[in-house]
Amino acid sequence: MKKLNENEMKSIKAGGISGSLLSALWKGLNIFLDTGRYIGSSIRRLTTKNLCNF
């Protein structure tokens, strides 16, 4: 493997969007949507008085 000098390292262009970035964004979106579902479900159950008895 060839060692790069400083000028060669500065000229490396990498992709702006990687698989890791997309995965992290997708997980964040899923957490946001799941939280909305849980809150919406809780509000619906509270307003209809459809609660679980323990």
N, C-alpha and C. Protein backbone atom coordinates (compact mmCIF):
# COMPACT_ATOMS: atom_id res chain seq x y z
N MET A 1 0.85 -1.17 0.00
CA MET A 1 0.00 0.00 0.00
C MET A 1 0.89 1.24 0.00
N LYS A 2 0.55 2.17 -0.87
CA LYS A 2 1.35 3.38 -1.03
C LYS A 2 0.96 4.43 0.01
N LYS A 3 1.95 5.04 0.62
CA LYS A 3 1.67 6.13 1.56
C LYS A 3 1.46 7.41 0.77
N LEU A 4 0.46 8.18 1.17
CA LEU A 4 0.14 9.42 0.48
C LEU A 4 0.83 10.59 1.15
N ASN A 5 1.23 11.56 0.32
CA ASN A 5 1.80 12.77 0.93
C ASN A 5 0.66 13.74 1.24
N GLU A 6 0.99 14.85 1.83
CA GLU A 6 -0.03 15.79 2.31
C GLU A 6 -0.89 16.34 1.17
N ASN A 7 -0.28 16.67 0.05
CA ASN A 7 -1.05 17.21 -1.08
C ASN A 7 -2.03 16.17 -1.64
N GLU A 8 -1.60 14.93 -1.71
CA GLU A 8 -2.48 13.87 -2.21
C GLU A 8 -3.65 13.64 -1.26
N MET A 9 -3.39 13.72 0.05
CA MET A 9 -4.47 13.53 1.02
C MET A 9 -5.50 14.65 0.94
N LYS A 10 -5.04 15.89 0.68
CA LYS A 10 -5.96 17.02 0.58
C LYS A 10 -6.81 16.94 -0.67
N SER A 11 -6.35 16.25 -1.70
CA SER A 11 -7.10 16.19 -2.96
C SER A 11 -8.10 15.04 -3.00
N ILE A 12 -8.20 14.24 -1.94
CA ILE A 12 -9.16 13.13 -1.92
C ILE A 12 -10.57 13.69 -1.78
N LYS A 13 -11.44 13.28 -2.68
CA LYS A 13 -12.84 13.69 -2.64
C LYS A 13 -13.66 12.47 -2.27
N ALA A 14 -14.46 12.59 -1.22
CA ALA A 14 -15.29 11.48 -0.78
C ALA A 14 -16.75 11.84 -1.00
N GLY A 15 -17.59 10.84 -1.05
CA GLY A 15 -19.02 11.06 -1.22
C GLY A 15 -19.61 11.76 -0.01
N GLY A 16 -20.56 12.63 -0.25
CA GLY A 16 -21.19 13.35 0.85
C GLY A 16 -22.21 12.52 1.60
N ILE A 17 -22.81 11.57 0.91
CA ILE A 17 -23.83 10.74 1.54
C ILE A 17 -23.34 9.30 1.55
N SER A 18 -23.21 8.77 2.73
CA SER A 18 -22.74 7.39 2.86
C SER A 18 -23.86 6.52 3.42
N GLY A 19 -23.64 5.23 3.40
CA GLY A 19 -24.62 4.30 3.94
C GLY A 19 -24.83 4.51 5.42
N SER A 20 -23.77 4.82 6.14
CA SER A 20 -23.89 5.05 7.58
C SER A 20 -24.73 6.28 7.88
N LEU A 21 -24.54 7.32 7.09
CA LEU A 21 -25.32 8.54 7.29
C LEU A 21 -26.80 8.29 7.01
N LEU A 22 -27.10 7.59 5.92
CA LEU A 22 -28.49 7.29 5.60
C LEU A 22 -29.13 6.40 6.67
N SER A 23 -28.39 5.44 7.18
CA SER A 23 -28.89 4.56 8.22
C SER A 23 -29.21 5.35 9.49
N ALA A 24 -28.33 6.25 9.87
CA ALA A 24 -28.56 7.07 11.07
C ALA A 24 -29.78 7.97 10.89
N LEU A 25 -29.92 8.57 9.70
CA LEU A 25 -31.08 9.42 9.45
C LEU A 25 -32.37 8.62 9.47
N TRP A 26 -32.35 7.43 8.90
CA TRP A 26 -33.54 6.58 8.88
C TRP A 26 -33.94 6.16 10.30
N LYS A 27 -32.94 5.80 11.13
CA LYS A 27 -33.24 5.43 12.52
C LYS A 27 -33.82 6.61 13.29
N GLY A 28 -33.26 7.79 13.07
CA GLY A 28 -33.79 8.98 13.73
C GLY A 28 -35.22 9.28 13.31
N LEU A 29 -35.52 9.12 12.03
CA LEU A 29 -36.87 9.34 11.54
C LEU A 29 -37.83 8.32 12.14
N ASN A 30 -37.40 7.07 12.23
CA ASN A 30 -38.25 6.04 12.82
C ASN A 30 -38.54 6.31 14.29
N ILE A 31 -37.55 6.77 15.03
CA ILE A 31 -37.77 7.11 16.44
C ILE A 31 -38.79 8.24 16.56
N PHE A 32 -38.67 9.24 15.69
CA PHE A 32 -39.60 10.36 15.70
C PHE A 32 -41.02 9.89 15.38
N LEU A 33 -41.18 9.05 14.36
CA LEU A 33 -42.51 8.55 13.99
C LEU A 33 -43.09 7.64 15.06
N ASP A 34 -42.28 6.77 15.65
CA ASP A 34 -42.76 5.88 16.70
C ASP A 34 -43.23 6.67 17.91
N THR A 35 -42.49 7.71 18.27
CA THR A 35 -42.88 8.55 19.39
C THR A 35 -44.23 9.20 19.12
N GLY A 36 -44.43 9.68 17.90
CA GLY A 36 -45.71 10.27 17.53
C GLY A 36 -46.85 9.27 17.62
N ARG A 37 -46.58 8.03 17.19
CA ARG A 37 -47.61 6.99 17.27
C ARG A 37 -47.97 6.70 18.72
N TYR A 38 -46.97 6.58 19.58
CA TYR A 38 -47.22 6.28 20.99
C TYR A 38 -48.00 7.41 21.66
N ILE A 39 -47.63 8.63 21.38
CA ILE A 39 -48.34 9.77 21.98
C ILE A 39 -49.77 9.83 21.46
N GLY A 40 -49.94 9.65 20.15
CA GLY A 40 -51.28 9.67 19.56
C GLY A 40 -52.15 8.56 20.12
N SER A 41 -51.58 7.38 20.26
CA SER A 41 -52.33 6.25 20.81
C SER A 41 -52.72 6.52 22.26
N SER A 42 -51.82 7.10 23.03
CA SER A 42 -52.12 7.43 24.43
C SER A 42 -53.23 8.45 24.53
N ILE A 43 -53.18 9.46 23.69
CA ILE A 43 -54.23 10.48 23.72
C ILE A 43 -55.57 9.87 23.34
N ARG A 44 -55.57 9.02 22.30
CA ARG A 44 -56.82 8.38 21.88
C ARG A 44 -57.38 7.51 22.98
N ARG A 45 -56.52 6.74 23.65
CA ARG A 45 -57.01 5.85 24.71
C ARG A 45 -57.50 6.64 25.91
N LEU A 46 -56.86 7.76 26.23
CA LEU A 46 -57.32 8.58 27.35
C LEU A 46 -58.66 9.24 27.05
N THR A 47 -58.85 9.71 25.83
CA THR A 47 -60.10 10.40 25.49
C THR A 47 -61.28 9.45 25.37
N THR A 48 -61.03 8.19 24.98
CA THR A 48 -62.12 7.23 24.86
C THR A 48 -62.28 6.39 26.12
N LYS A 49 -61.48 6.66 27.13
CA LYS A 49 -61.51 5.94 28.40
C LYS A 49 -61.29 4.44 28.22
N ASN A 50 -60.50 4.08 27.23
CA ASN A 50 -60.19 2.68 26.93
C ASN A 50 -58.82 2.34 27.52
N LEU A 51 -58.77 2.22 28.85
CA LEU A 51 -57.51 1.99 29.54
C LEU A 51 -57.45 0.56 30.06
N CYS A 52 -56.23 0.06 30.23
CA CYS A 52 -56.04 -1.29 30.76
C CYS A 52 -56.18 -1.26 32.27
N ASN A 53 -56.84 -2.25 32.83
CA ASN A 53 -56.93 -2.38 34.29
C ASN A 53 -55.85 -3.35 34.74
N PHE A 54 -55.10 -2.95 35.74
CA PHE A 54 -54.03 -3.81 36.25
C PHE A 54 -54.48 -4.57 37.46
